[in-house]
Amino acid sequence: QQRIAIARALMMNPKALLLDEITSALDPEMTSEVLKILESLAA
């Protein structure tokens, strides 16, 4: 759901993403999934 939320935000062609503790409710494995996406976007 969080990865889809990131994709949904990107659909609007934003100039910046504001991310508010988006992994705080996730277990370590799910957190790792989301952070990998953020790392790829940062790259």
PDB file of all heavy atoms in Angstrom:
ATOM      1  N   GLN A   1       0.827  -1.207   0.000  1.00  0.00           N
ATOM      2  CA  GLN A   1       0.000   0.000   0.000  1.00  0.00           C
ATOM      3  C   GLN A   1       0.866   1.264   0.000  1.00  0.00           C
ATOM      4  O   GLN A   1       0.555   2.242  -0.694  1.00  0.00           O
ATOM      5  CB  GLN A   1      -0.930   0.002   1.209  1.00  0.00           C
ATOM      6  CG  GLN A   1      -2.037  -1.027   1.128  1.00  0.00           C
ATOM      7  CD  GLN A   1      -3.007  -0.935   2.291  1.00  0.00           C
ATOM      8  OE1 GLN A   1      -3.383   0.150   2.708  1.00  0.00           O
ATOM      9  NE2 GLN A   1      -3.408  -2.075   2.821  1.00  0.00           N
ATOM     10  N   GLN A   2       1.954   1.251   0.751  1.00  0.00           N
ATOM     11  CA  GLN A   2       2.811   2.433   0.778  1.00  0.00           C
ATOM     12  C   GLN A   2       3.515   2.636  -0.563  1.00  0.00           C
ATOM     13  O   GLN A   2       3.696   3.773  -1.018  1.00  0.00           O
ATOM     14  CB  GLN A   2       3.844   2.333   1.907  1.00  0.00           C
ATOM     15  CG  GLN A   2       3.273   2.589   3.305  1.00  0.00           C
ATOM     16  CD  GLN A   2       2.781   4.016   3.483  1.00  0.00           C
ATOM     17  OE1 GLN A   2       2.204   4.613   2.591  1.00  0.00           O
ATOM     18  NE2 GLN A   2       3.012   4.585   4.652  1.00  0.00           N
ATOM     19  N   ARG A   3       3.928   1.544  -1.197  1.00  0.00           N
ATOM     20  CA  ARG A   3       4.568   1.679  -2.507  1.00  0.00           C
ATOM     21  C   ARG A   3       3.577   2.218  -3.544  1.00  0.00           C
ATOM     22  O   ARG A   3       3.942   3.028  -4.407  1.00  0.00           O
ATOM     23  CB  ARG A   3       5.147   0.340  -2.960  1.00  0.00           C
ATOM     24  CG  ARG A   3       6.448  -0.011  -2.244  1.00  0.00           C
ATOM     25  CD  ARG A   3       7.084  -1.246  -2.841  1.00  0.00           C
ATOM     26  NE  ARG A   3       6.497  -2.465  -2.314  1.00  0.00           N
ATOM     27  CZ  ARG A   3       6.629  -3.663  -2.882  1.00  0.00           C
ATOM     28  NH1 ARG A   3       7.315  -3.796  -4.002  1.00  0.00           N
ATOM     29  NH2 ARG A   3       6.095  -4.724  -2.331  1.00  0.00           N
ATOM     30  N   ILE A   4       2.314   1.787  -3.432  1.00  0.00           N
ATOM     31  CA  ILE A   4       1.281   2.303  -4.329  1.00  0.00           C
ATOM     32  C   ILE A   4       1.011   3.779  -4.029  1.00  0.00           C
ATOM     33  O   ILE A   4       0.788   4.582  -4.945  1.00  0.00           O
ATOM     34  CB  ILE A   4       0.000   1.459  -4.211  1.00  0.00           C
ATOM     35  CG1 ILE A   4       0.247   0.090  -4.878  1.00  0.00           C
ATOM     36  CG2 ILE A   4      -1.197   2.170  -4.852  1.00  0.00           C
ATOM     37  CD1 ILE A   4      -0.780  -0.941  -4.582  1.00  0.00           C
ATOM     38  N   ALA A   5       1.064   4.143  -2.755  1.00  0.00           N
ATOM     39  CA  ALA A   5       0.866   5.551  -2.393  1.00  0.00           C
ATOM     40  C   ALA A   5       1.964   6.428  -3.009  1.00  0.00           C
ATOM     41  O   ALA A   5       1.707   7.554  -3.446  1.00  0.00           O
ATOM     42  CB  ALA A   5       0.856   5.708  -0.876  1.00  0.00           C
ATOM     43  N   ILE A   6       3.197   5.922  -3.038  1.00  0.00           N
ATOM     44  CA  ILE A   6       4.294   6.660  -3.675  1.00  0.00           C
ATOM     45  C   ILE A   6       4.020   6.792  -5.172  1.00  0.00           C
ATOM     46  O   ILE A   6       4.185   7.872  -5.753  1.00  0.00           O
ATOM     47  CB  ILE A   6       5.633   5.949  -3.421  1.00  0.00           C
ATOM     48  CG1 ILE A   6       5.984   6.005  -1.927  1.00  0.00           C
ATOM     49  CG2 ILE A   6       6.750   6.581  -4.256  1.00  0.00           C
ATOM     50  CD1 ILE A   6       7.145   5.101  -1.538  1.00  0.00           C
ATOM     51  N   ALA A   7       3.600   5.694  -5.802  1.00  0.00           N
ATOM     52  CA  ALA A   7       3.279   5.738  -7.232  1.00  0.00           C
ATOM     53  C   ALA A   7       2.145   6.721  -7.493  1.00  0.00           C
ATOM     54  O   ALA A   7       2.168   7.476  -8.478  1.00  0.00           O
ATOM     55  CB  ALA A   7       2.901   4.338  -7.728  1.00  0.00           C
ATOM     56  N   ARG A   8       1.143   6.726  -6.613  1.00  0.00           N
ATOM     57  CA  ARG A   8       0.005   7.644  -6.780  1.00  0.00           C
ATOM     58  C   ARG A   8       0.466   9.096  -6.714  1.00  0.00           C
ATOM     59  O   ARG A   8       0.007   9.942  -7.485  1.00  0.00           O
ATOM     60  CB  ARG A   8      -1.054   7.365  -5.717  1.00  0.00           C
ATOM     61  CG  ARG A   8      -2.300   8.219  -5.847  1.00  0.00           C
ATOM     62  CD  ARG A   8      -3.388   7.772  -4.903  1.00  0.00           C
ATOM     63  NE  ARG A   8      -2.986   7.876  -3.509  1.00  0.00           N
ATOM     64  CZ  ARG A   8      -3.775   7.546  -2.489  1.00  0.00           C
ATOM     65  NH1 ARG A   8      -4.987   7.068  -2.705  1.00  0.00           N
ATOM     66  NH2 ARG A   8      -3.344   7.675  -1.245  1.00  0.00           N
ATOM     67  N   ALA A   9       1.371   9.394  -5.790  1.00  0.00           N
ATOM     68  CA  ALA A   9       1.897  10.758  -5.698  1.00  0.00           C
ATOM     69  C   ALA A   9       2.661  11.126  -6.957  1.00  0.00           C
ATOM     70  O   ALA A   9       2.561  12.255  -7.466  1.00  0.00           O
ATOM     71  CB  ALA A   9       2.787  10.889  -4.464  1.00  0.00           C
ATOM     72  N   LEU A  10       3.440  10.189  -7.500  1.00  0.00           N
ATOM     73  CA  LEU A  10       4.232  10.451  -8.703  1.00  0.00           C
ATOM     74  C   LEU A  10       3.364  10.632  -9.950  1.00  0.00           C
ATOM     75  O   LEU A  10       3.800  11.253 -10.924  1.00  0.00           O
ATOM     76  CB  LEU A  10       5.233   9.320  -8.934  1.00  0.00           C
ATOM     77  CG  LEU A  10       6.371   9.203  -7.910  1.00  0.00           C
ATOM     78  CD1 LEU A  10       7.154   7.918  -8.133  1.00  0.00           C
ATOM     79  CD2 LEU A  10       7.301  10.413  -7.994  1.00  0.00           C
ATOM     80  N   MET A  11       2.141  10.114  -9.910  1.00  0.00           N
ATOM     81  CA  MET A  11       1.233  10.267 -11.044  1.00  0.00           C
ATOM     82  C   MET A  11       0.957  11.731 -11.366  1.00  0.00           C
ATOM     83  O   MET A  11       0.644  12.084 -12.500  1.00  0.00           O
ATOM     84  CB  MET A  11      -0.096   9.559 -10.759  1.00  0.00           C
ATOM     85  CG  MET A  11      -0.062   8.045 -10.846  1.00  0.00           C
ATOM     86  SD  MET A  11       0.160   7.402 -12.530  1.00  0.00           S
ATOM     87  CE  MET A  11      -1.318   7.984 -13.352  1.00  0.00           C
ATOM     88  N   MET A  12       1.066  12.611 -10.359  1.00  0.00           N
ATOM     89  CA  MET A  12       0.733  14.023 -10.540  1.00  0.00           C
ATOM     90  C   MET A  12       1.933  14.860 -10.991  1.00  0.00           C
ATOM     91  O   MET A  12       1.872  16.094 -10.985  1.00  0.00           O
ATOM     92  CB  MET A  12       0.165  14.580  -9.236  1.00  0.00           C
ATOM     93  CG  MET A  12      -1.108  13.883  -8.768  1.00  0.00           C
ATOM     94  SD  MET A  12      -2.445  13.996  -9.976  1.00  0.00           S
ATOM     95  CE  MET A  12      -2.827  15.738  -9.867  1.00  0.00           C
ATOM     96  N   ASN A  13       3.025  14.200 -11.337  1.00  0.00           N
ATOM     97  CA  ASN A  13       4.244  14.901 -11.779  1.00  0.00           C
ATOM     98  C   ASN A  13       4.699  15.957 -10.773  1.00  0.00           C
ATOM     99  O   ASN A  13       4.959  17.116 -11.140  1.00  0.00           O
ATOM    100  CB  ASN A  13       4.015  15.574 -13.143  1.00  0.00           C
ATOM    101  CG  ASN A  13       3.603  14.604 -14.216  1.00  0.00           C
ATOM    102  OD1 ASN A  13       4.152  13.507 -14.311  1.00  0.00           O
ATOM    103  ND2 ASN A  13       2.621  14.982 -15.022  1.00  0.00           N
ATOM    104  N   PRO A  14       4.810  15.586  -9.490  1.00  0.00           N
ATOM    105  CA  PRO A  14       5.187  16.587  -8.489  1.00  0.00           C
ATOM    106  C   PRO A  14       6.636  17.016  -8.650  1.00  0.00           C
ATOM    107  O   PRO A  14       7.470  16.269  -9.156  1.00  0.00           O
ATOM    108  CB  PRO A  14       4.996  15.831  -7.171  1.00  0.00           C
ATOM    109  CG  PRO A  14       5.276  14.405  -7.527  1.00  0.00           C
ATOM    110  CD  PRO A  14       4.700  14.235  -8.908  1.00  0.00           C
ATOM    111  N   LYS A  15       6.915  18.224  -8.202  1.00  0.00           N
ATOM    112  CA  LYS A  15       8.293  18.715  -8.203  1.00  0.00           C
ATOM    113  C   LYS A  15       9.026  18.262  -6.943  1.00  0.00           C
ATOM    114  O   LYS A  15      10.250  18.318  -6.874  1.00  0.00           O
ATOM    115  CB  LYS A  15       8.303  20.231  -8.334  1.00  0.00           C
ATOM    116  CG  LYS A  15       7.789  20.713  -9.690  1.00  0.00           C
ATOM    117  CD  LYS A  15       7.830  22.215  -9.783  1.00  0.00           C
ATOM    118  CE  LYS A  15       7.483  22.681 -11.201  1.00  0.00           C
ATOM    119  NZ  LYS A  15       6.136  22.285 -11.621  1.00  0.00           N
ATOM    120  N   ALA A  16       8.272  17.826  -5.934  1.00  0.00           N
ATOM    121  CA  ALA A  16       8.871  17.307  -4.697  1.00  0.00           C
ATOM    122  C   ALA A  16       7.918  16.306  -4.070  1.00  0.00           C
ATOM    123  O   ALA A  16       6.695  16.427  -4.206  1.00  0.00           O
ATOM    124  CB  ALA A  16       9.164  18.443  -3.710  1.00  0.00           C
ATOM    125  N   LEU A  17       8.488  15.315  -3.376  1.00  0.00           N
ATOM    126  CA  LEU A  17       7.703  14.372  -2.588  1.00  0.00           C
ATOM    127  C   LEU A  17       7.908  14.690  -1.106  1.00  0.00           C
ATOM    128  O   LEU A  17       9.054  14.818  -0.653  1.00  0.00           O
ATOM    129  CB  LEU A  17       8.142  12.929  -2.858  1.00  0.00           C
ATOM    130  CG  LEU A  17       7.673  12.256  -4.140  1.00  0.00           C
ATOM    131  CD1 LEU A  17       8.225  10.833  -4.193  1.00  0.00           C
ATOM    132  CD2 LEU A  17       6.161  12.234  -4.232  1.00  0.00           C
ATOM    133  N   LEU A  18       6.810  14.814  -0.368  1.00  0.00           N
ATOM    134  CA  LEU A  18       6.854  15.024   1.072  1.00  0.00           C
ATOM    135  C   LEU A  18       6.446  13.705   1.726  1.00  0.00           C
ATOM    136  O   LEU A  18       5.317  13.247   1.554  1.00  0.00           O
ATOM    137  CB  LEU A  18       5.898  16.148   1.487  1.00  0.00           C
ATOM    138  CG  LEU A  18       5.978  17.453   0.683  1.00  0.00           C
ATOM    139  CD1 LEU A  18       4.967  18.464   1.220  1.00  0.00           C
ATOM    140  CD2 LEU A  18       7.389  18.028   0.710  1.00  0.00           C
ATOM    141  N   LEU A  19       7.360  13.096   2.470  1.00  0.00           N
ATOM    142  CA  LEU A  19       7.155  11.745   3.003  1.00  0.00           C
ATOM    143  C   LEU A  19       7.165  11.793   4.523  1.00  0.00           C
ATOM    144  O   LEU A  19       8.197  12.091   5.134  1.00  0.00           O
ATOM    145  CB  LEU A  19       8.243  10.808   2.485  1.00  0.00           C
ATOM    146  CG  LEU A  19       8.439  10.812   0.956  1.00  0.00           C
ATOM    147  CD1 LEU A  19       9.697  10.060   0.573  1.00  0.00           C
ATOM    148  CD2 LEU A  19       7.228  10.221   0.259  1.00  0.00           C
ATOM    149  N   ASP A  20       6.019  11.497   5.120  1.00  0.00           N
ATOM    150  CA  ASP A  20       5.861  11.654   6.563  1.00  0.00           C
ATOM    151  C   ASP A  20       5.837  10.308   7.268  1.00  0.00           C
ATOM    152  O   ASP A  20       4.788   9.668   7.360  1.00  0.00           O
ATOM    153  CB  ASP A  20       4.578  12.439   6.864  1.00  0.00           C
ATOM    154  CG  ASP A  20       4.429  12.749   8.346  1.00  0.00           C
ATOM    155  OD1 ASP A  20       5.427  12.639   9.085  1.00  0.00           O
ATOM    156  OD2 ASP A  20       3.311  13.103   8.763  1.00  0.00           O
ATOM    157  N   GLU A  21       7.011   9.860   7.740  1.00  0.00           N
ATOM    158  CA  GLU A  21       7.109   8.617   8.523  1.00  0.00           C
ATOM    159  C   GLU A  21       6.378   7.467   7.833  1.00  0.00           C
ATOM    160  O   GLU A  21       5.622   6.726   8.463  1.00  0.00           O
ATOM    161  CB  GLU A  21       6.526   8.831   9.925  1.00  0.00           C
ATOM    162  CG  GLU A  21       7.368   9.713  10.827  1.00  0.00           C
ATOM    163  CD  GLU A  21       8.549   8.982  11.447  1.00  0.00           C
ATOM    164  OE1 GLU A  21       8.913   7.909  10.937  1.00  0.00           O
ATOM    165  OE2 GLU A  21       9.094   9.504  12.427  1.00  0.00           O
ATOM    166  N   ILE A  22       6.638   7.291   6.548  1.00  0.00           N
ATOM    167  CA  ILE A  22       5.823   6.335   5.800  1.00  0.00           C
ATOM    168  C   ILE A  22       6.143   4.881   6.123  1.00  0.00           C
ATOM    169  O   ILE A  22       5.413   3.990   5.697  1.00  0.00           O
ATOM    170  CB  ILE A  22       5.935   6.574   4.283  1.00  0.00           C
ATOM    171  CG1 ILE A  22       7.365   6.344   3.788  1.00  0.00           C
ATOM    172  CG2 ILE A  22       5.463   7.964   3.917  1.00  0.00           C
ATOM    173  CD1 ILE A  22       7.471   6.368   2.269  1.00  0.00           C
ATOM    174  N   THR A  23       7.214   4.629   6.877  1.00  0.00           N
ATOM    175  CA  THR A  23       7.521   3.248   7.256  1.00  0.00           C
ATOM    176  C   THR A  23       7.248   2.967   8.736  1.00  0.00           C
ATOM    177  O   THR A  23       7.527   1.878   9.219  1.00  0.00           O
ATOM    178  CB  THR A  23       9.001   2.910   6.969  1.00  0.00           C
ATOM    179  OG1 THR A  23       9.848   3.785   7.736  1.00  0.00           O
ATOM    180  CG2 THR A  23       9.317   3.072   5.492  1.00  0.00           C
ATOM    181  N   SER A  24       6.670   3.934   9.444  1.00  0.00           N
ATOM    182  CA  SER A  24       6.555   3.800  10.905  1.00  0.00           C
ATOM    183  C   SER A  24       5.638   2.661  11.334  1.00  0.00           C
ATOM    184  O   SER A  24       5.808   2.098  12.409  1.00  0.00           O
ATOM    185  CB  SER A  24       6.058   5.117  11.523  1.00  0.00           C
ATOM    186  OG  SER A  24       4.757   5.428  11.050  1.00  0.00           O
ATOM    187  N   ALA A  25       4.661   2.310  10.495  1.00  0.00           N
ATOM    188  CA  ALA A  25       3.718   1.254  10.866  1.00  0.00           C
ATOM    189  C   ALA A  25       4.041  -0.083  10.210  1.00  0.00           C
ATOM    190  O   ALA A  25       3.251  -1.025  10.294  1.00  0.00           O
ATOM    191  CB  ALA A  25       2.296   1.682  10.501  1.00  0.00           C
ATOM    192  N   LEU A  26       5.207  -0.174   9.574  1.00  0.00           N
ATOM    193  CA  LEU A  26       5.558  -1.379   8.830  1.00  0.00           C
ATOM    194  C   LEU A  26       6.573  -2.228   9.575  1.00  0.00           C
ATOM    195  O   LEU A  26       7.388  -1.710  10.337  1.00  0.00           O
ATOM    196  CB  LEU A  26       6.129  -1.001   7.455  1.00  0.00           C
ATOM    197  CG  LEU A  26       5.262  -0.102   6.569  1.00  0.00           C
ATOM    198  CD1 LEU A  26       5.977   0.171   5.256  1.00  0.00           C
ATOM    199  CD2 LEU A  26       3.899  -0.723   6.314  1.00  0.00           C
ATOM    200  N   ASP A  27       6.531  -3.529   9.327  1.00  0.00           N
ATOM    201  CA  ASP A  27       7.542  -4.405   9.918  1.00  0.00           C
ATOM    202  C   ASP A  27       8.844  -4.248   9.128  1.00  0.00           C
ATOM    203  O   ASP A  27       8.870  -3.617   8.061  1.00  0.00           O
ATOM    204  CB  ASP A  27       7.060  -5.864   9.949  1.00  0.00           C
ATOM    205  CG  ASP A  27       6.844  -6.474   8.565  1.00  0.00           C
ATOM    206  OD1 ASP A  27       7.585  -6.106   7.611  1.00  0.00           O
ATOM    207  OD2 ASP A  27       5.952  -7.308   8.415  1.00  0.00           O
ATOM    208  N   PRO A  28       9.957  -4.779   9.641  1.00  0.00           N
ATOM    209  CA  PRO A  28      11.259  -4.557   8.988  1.00  0.00           C
ATOM    210  C   PRO A  28      11.315  -4.965   7.533  1.00  0.00           C
ATOM    211  O   PRO A  28      11.940  -4.284   6.706  1.00  0.00           O
ATOM    212  CB  PRO A  28      12.217  -5.387   9.844  1.00  0.00           C
ATOM    213  CG  PRO A  28      11.584  -5.395  11.197  1.00  0.00           C
ATOM    214  CD  PRO A  28      10.103  -5.467  10.935  1.00  0.00           C
ATOM    215  N   GLU A  29      10.672  -6.086   7.176  1.00  0.00           N
ATOM    216  CA  GLU A  29      10.713  -6.539   5.787  1.00  0.00           C
ATOM    217  C   GLU A  29       9.970  -5.564   4.874  1.00  0.00           C
ATOM    218  O   GLU A  29      10.455  -5.196   3.802  1.00  0.00           O
ATOM    219  CB  GLU A  29      10.085  -7.932   5.672  1.00  0.00           C
ATOM    220  CG  GLU A  29      10.202  -8.534   4.283  1.00  0.00           C
ATOM    221  CD  GLU A  29       9.700  -9.956   4.214  1.00  0.00           C
ATOM    222  OE1 GLU A  29       9.197 -10.469   5.233  1.00  0.00           O
ATOM    223  OE2 GLU A  29       9.817 -10.566   3.134  1.00  0.00           O
ATOM    224  N   MET A  30       8.775  -5.124   5.308  1.00  0.00           N
ATOM    225  CA  MET A  30       8.016  -4.168   4.510  1.00  0.00           C
ATOM    226  C   MET A  30       8.735  -2.831   4.437  1.00  0.00           C
ATOM    227  O   MET A  30       8.734  -2.155   3.398  1.00  0.00           O
ATOM    228  CB  MET A  30       6.613  -3.983   5.106  1.00  0.00           C
ATOM    229  CG  MET A  30       5.714  -5.194   4.988  1.00  0.00           C
ATOM    230  SD  MET A  30       4.093  -4.887   5.719  1.00  0.00           S
ATOM    231  CE  MET A  30       3.297  -6.467   5.436  1.00  0.00           C
ATOM    232  N   THR A  31       9.365  -2.432   5.547  1.00  0.00           N
ATOM    233  CA  THR A  31      10.136  -1.185   5.570  1.00  0.00           C
ATOM    234  C   THR A  31      11.238  -1.236   4.527  1.00  0.00           C
ATOM    235  O   THR A  31      11.463  -0.270   3.788  1.00  0.00           O
ATOM    236  CB  THR A  31      10.733  -0.948   6.966  1.00  0.00           C
ATOM    237  OG1 THR A  31       9.681  -0.715   7.895  1.00  0.00           O
ATOM    238  CG2 THR A  31      11.666   0.258   6.970  1.00  0.00           C
ATOM    239  N   SER A  32      11.931  -2.364   4.457  1.00  0.00           N
ATOM    240  CA  SER A  32      13.012  -2.523   3.486  1.00  0.00           C
ATOM    241  C   SER A  32      12.505  -2.371   2.060  1.00  0.00           C
ATOM    242  O   SER A  32      13.158  -1.743   1.218  1.00  0.00           O
ATOM    243  CB  SER A  32      13.672  -3.895   3.668  1.00  0.00           C
ATOM    244  OG  SER A  32      14.692  -4.087   2.721  1.00  0.00           O
ATOM    245  N   GLU A  33      11.308  -2.915   1.781  1.00  0.00           N
ATOM    246  CA  GLU A  33      10.721  -2.810   0.444  1.00  0.00           C
ATOM    247  C   GLU A  33      10.511  -1.345   0.062  1.00  0.00           C
ATOM    248  O   GLU A  33      10.849  -0.924  -1.047  1.00  0.00           O
ATOM    249  CB  GLU A  33       9.366  -3.535   0.403  1.00  0.00           C
ATOM    250  CG  GLU A  33       9.435  -5.046   0.542  1.00  0.00           C
ATOM    251  CD  GLU A  33       8.047  -5.663   0.600  1.00  0.00           C
ATOM    252  OE1 GLU A  33       7.058  -4.898   0.583  1.00  0.00           O
ATOM    253  OE2 GLU A  33       7.941  -6.892   0.659  1.00  0.00           O
ATOM    254  N   VAL A  34       9.938  -0.586   0.988  1.00  0.00           N
ATOM    255  CA  VAL A  34       9.626   0.814   0.702  1.00  0.00           C
ATOM    256  C   VAL A  34      10.901   1.636   0.559  1.00  0.00           C
ATOM    257  O   VAL A  34      11.031   2.472  -0.347  1.00  0.00           O
ATOM    258  CB  VAL A  34       8.717   1.403   1.812  1.00  0.00           C
ATOM    259  CG1 VAL A  34       8.516   2.898   1.611  1.00  0.00           C
ATOM    260  CG2 VAL A  34       7.373   0.683   1.819  1.00  0.00           C
ATOM    261  N   LEU A  35      11.886   1.411   1.435  1.00  0.00           N
ATOM    262  CA  LEU A  35      13.120   2.185   1.388  1.00  0.00           C
ATOM    263  C   LEU A  35      13.894   1.934   0.091  1.00  0.00           C
ATOM    264  O   LEU A  35      14.554   2.839  -0.429  1.00  0.00           O
ATOM    265  CB  LEU A  35      13.995   1.877   2.599  1.00  0.00           C
ATOM    266  CG  LEU A  35      13.424   2.336   3.954  1.00  0.00           C
ATOM    267  CD1 LEU A  35      14.393   2.009   5.080  1.00  0.00           C
ATOM    268  CD2 LEU A  35      13.111   3.823   3.951  1.00  0.00           C
ATOM    269  N   LYS A  36      13.809   0.720  -0.430  1.00  0.00           N
ATOM    270  CA  LYS A  36      14.467   0.431  -1.713  1.00  0.00           C
ATOM    271  C   LYS A  36      13.873   1.285  -2.826  1.00  0.00           C
ATOM    272  O   LYS A  36      14.591   1.767  -3.718  1.00  0.00           O
ATOM    273  CB  LYS A  36      14.331  -1.058  -2.056  1.00  0.00           C
ATOM    274  CG  LYS A  36      15.240  -1.967  -1.245  1.00  0.00           C
ATOM    275  CD  LYS A  36      15.019  -3.428  -1.616  1.00  0.00           C
ATOM    276  CE  LYS A  36      15.893  -4.347  -0.762  1.00  0.00           C
ATOM    277  NZ  LYS A  36      15.627  -5.779  -1.073  1.00  0.00           N
ATOM    278  N   ILE A  37      12.551   1.476  -2.787  1.00  0.00           N
ATOM    279  CA  ILE A  37      11.898   2.324  -3.784  1.00  0.00           C
ATOM    280  C   ILE A  37      12.376   3.760  -3.647  1.00  0.00           C
ATOM    281  O   ILE A  37      12.695   4.436  -4.636  1.00  0.00           O
ATOM    282  CB  ILE A  37      10.365   2.258  -3.635  1.00  0.00           C
ATOM    283  CG1 ILE A  37       9.861   0.826  -3.858  1.00  0.00           C
ATOM    284  CG2 ILE A  37       9.693   3.229  -4.609  1.00  0.00           C
ATOM    285  CD1 ILE A  37      10.223   0.229  -5.180  1.00  0.00           C
ATOM    286  N   LEU A  38      12.455   4.250  -2.411  1.00  0.00           N
ATOM    287  CA  LEU A  38      12.909   5.624  -2.195  1.00  0.00           C
ATOM    288  C   LEU A  38      14.354   5.800  -2.649  1.00  0.00           C
ATOM    289  O   LEU A  38      14.722   6.835  -3.208  1.00  0.00           O
ATOM    290  CB  LEU A  38      12.767   6.006  -0.725  1.00  0.00           C
ATOM    291  CG  LEU A  38      11.340   5.994  -0.150  1.00  0.00           C
ATOM    292  CD1 LEU A  38      11.349   6.516   1.275  1.00  0.00           C
ATOM    293  CD2 LEU A  38      10.400   6.816  -1.015  1.00  0.00           C
ATOM    294  N   GLU A  39      15.178   4.793  -2.404  1.00  0.00           N
ATOM    295  CA  GLU A  39      16.574   4.852  -2.851  1.00  0.00           C
ATOM    296  C   GLU A  39      16.657   4.937  -4.370  1.00  0.00           C
ATOM    297  O   GLU A  39      17.472   5.694  -4.911  1.00  0.00           O
ATOM    298  CB  GLU A  39      17.339   3.630  -2.339  1.00  0.00           C
ATOM    299  CG  GLU A  39      17.605   3.660  -0.839  1.00  0.00           C
ATOM    300  CD  GLU A  39      18.355   2.429  -0.366  1.00  0.00           C
ATOM    301  OE1 GLU A  39      18.898   1.700  -1.228  1.00  0.00           O
ATOM    302  OE2 GLU A  39      18.400   2.191   0.856  1.00  0.00           O
ATOM    303  N   SER A  40      15.817   4.182  -5.054  1.00  0.00           N
ATOM    304  CA  SER A  40      15.845   4.212  -6.521  1.00  0.00           C
ATOM    305  C   SER A  40      15.354   5.561  -7.036  1.00  0.00           C
ATOM    306  O   SER A  40      15.893   6.094  -8.018  1.00  0.00           O
ATOM    307  CB  SER A  40      14.993   3.080  -7.106  1.00  0.00           C
ATOM    308  OG  SER A  40      13.618   3.271  -6.840  1.00  0.00           O
ATOM    309  N   LEU A  41      14.350   6.146  -6.375  1.00  0.00           N
ATOM    310  CA  LEU A  41      13.867   7.469  -6.774  1.00  0.00           C
ATOM    311  C   LEU A  41      14.938   8.523  -6.524  1.00  0.00           C
ATOM    312  O   LEU A  41      15.124   9.440  -7.334  1.00  0.00           O
ATOM    313  CB  LEU A  41      12.590   7.817  -6.006  1.00  0.00           C
ATOM    314  CG  LEU A  41      11.343   7.001  -6.344  1.00  0.00           C
ATOM    315  CD1 LEU A  41      10.199   7.370  -5.413  1.00  0.00           C
ATOM    316  CD2 LEU A  41      10.934   7.207  -7.800  1.00  0.00           C
ATOM    317  N   ALA A  42      15.636   8.397  -5.403  1.00  0.00           N
ATOM    318  CA  ALA A  42      16.717   9.344  -5.094  1.00  0.00           C
ATOM    319  C   ALA A  42      17.806   9.274  -6.162  1.00  0.00           C
ATOM    320  O   ALA A  42      18.349  10.300  -6.583  1.00  0.00           O
ATOM    321  CB  ALA A  42      17.299   9.042  -3.720  1.00  0.00           C
ATOM    322  N   ALA A  43      18.119   8.049  -6.609  1.00  0.00           N
ATOM    323  CA  ALA A  43      19.145   7.878  -7.637  1.00  0.00           C
ATOM    324  C   ALA A  43      18.734   8.515  -8.956  1.00  0.00           C
ATOM    325  O   ALA A  43      19.582   8.915  -9.756  1.00  0.00           O
ATOM    326  CB  ALA A  43      19.431   6.390  -7.840  1.00  0.00           C
TER     327      ALA A  43
END
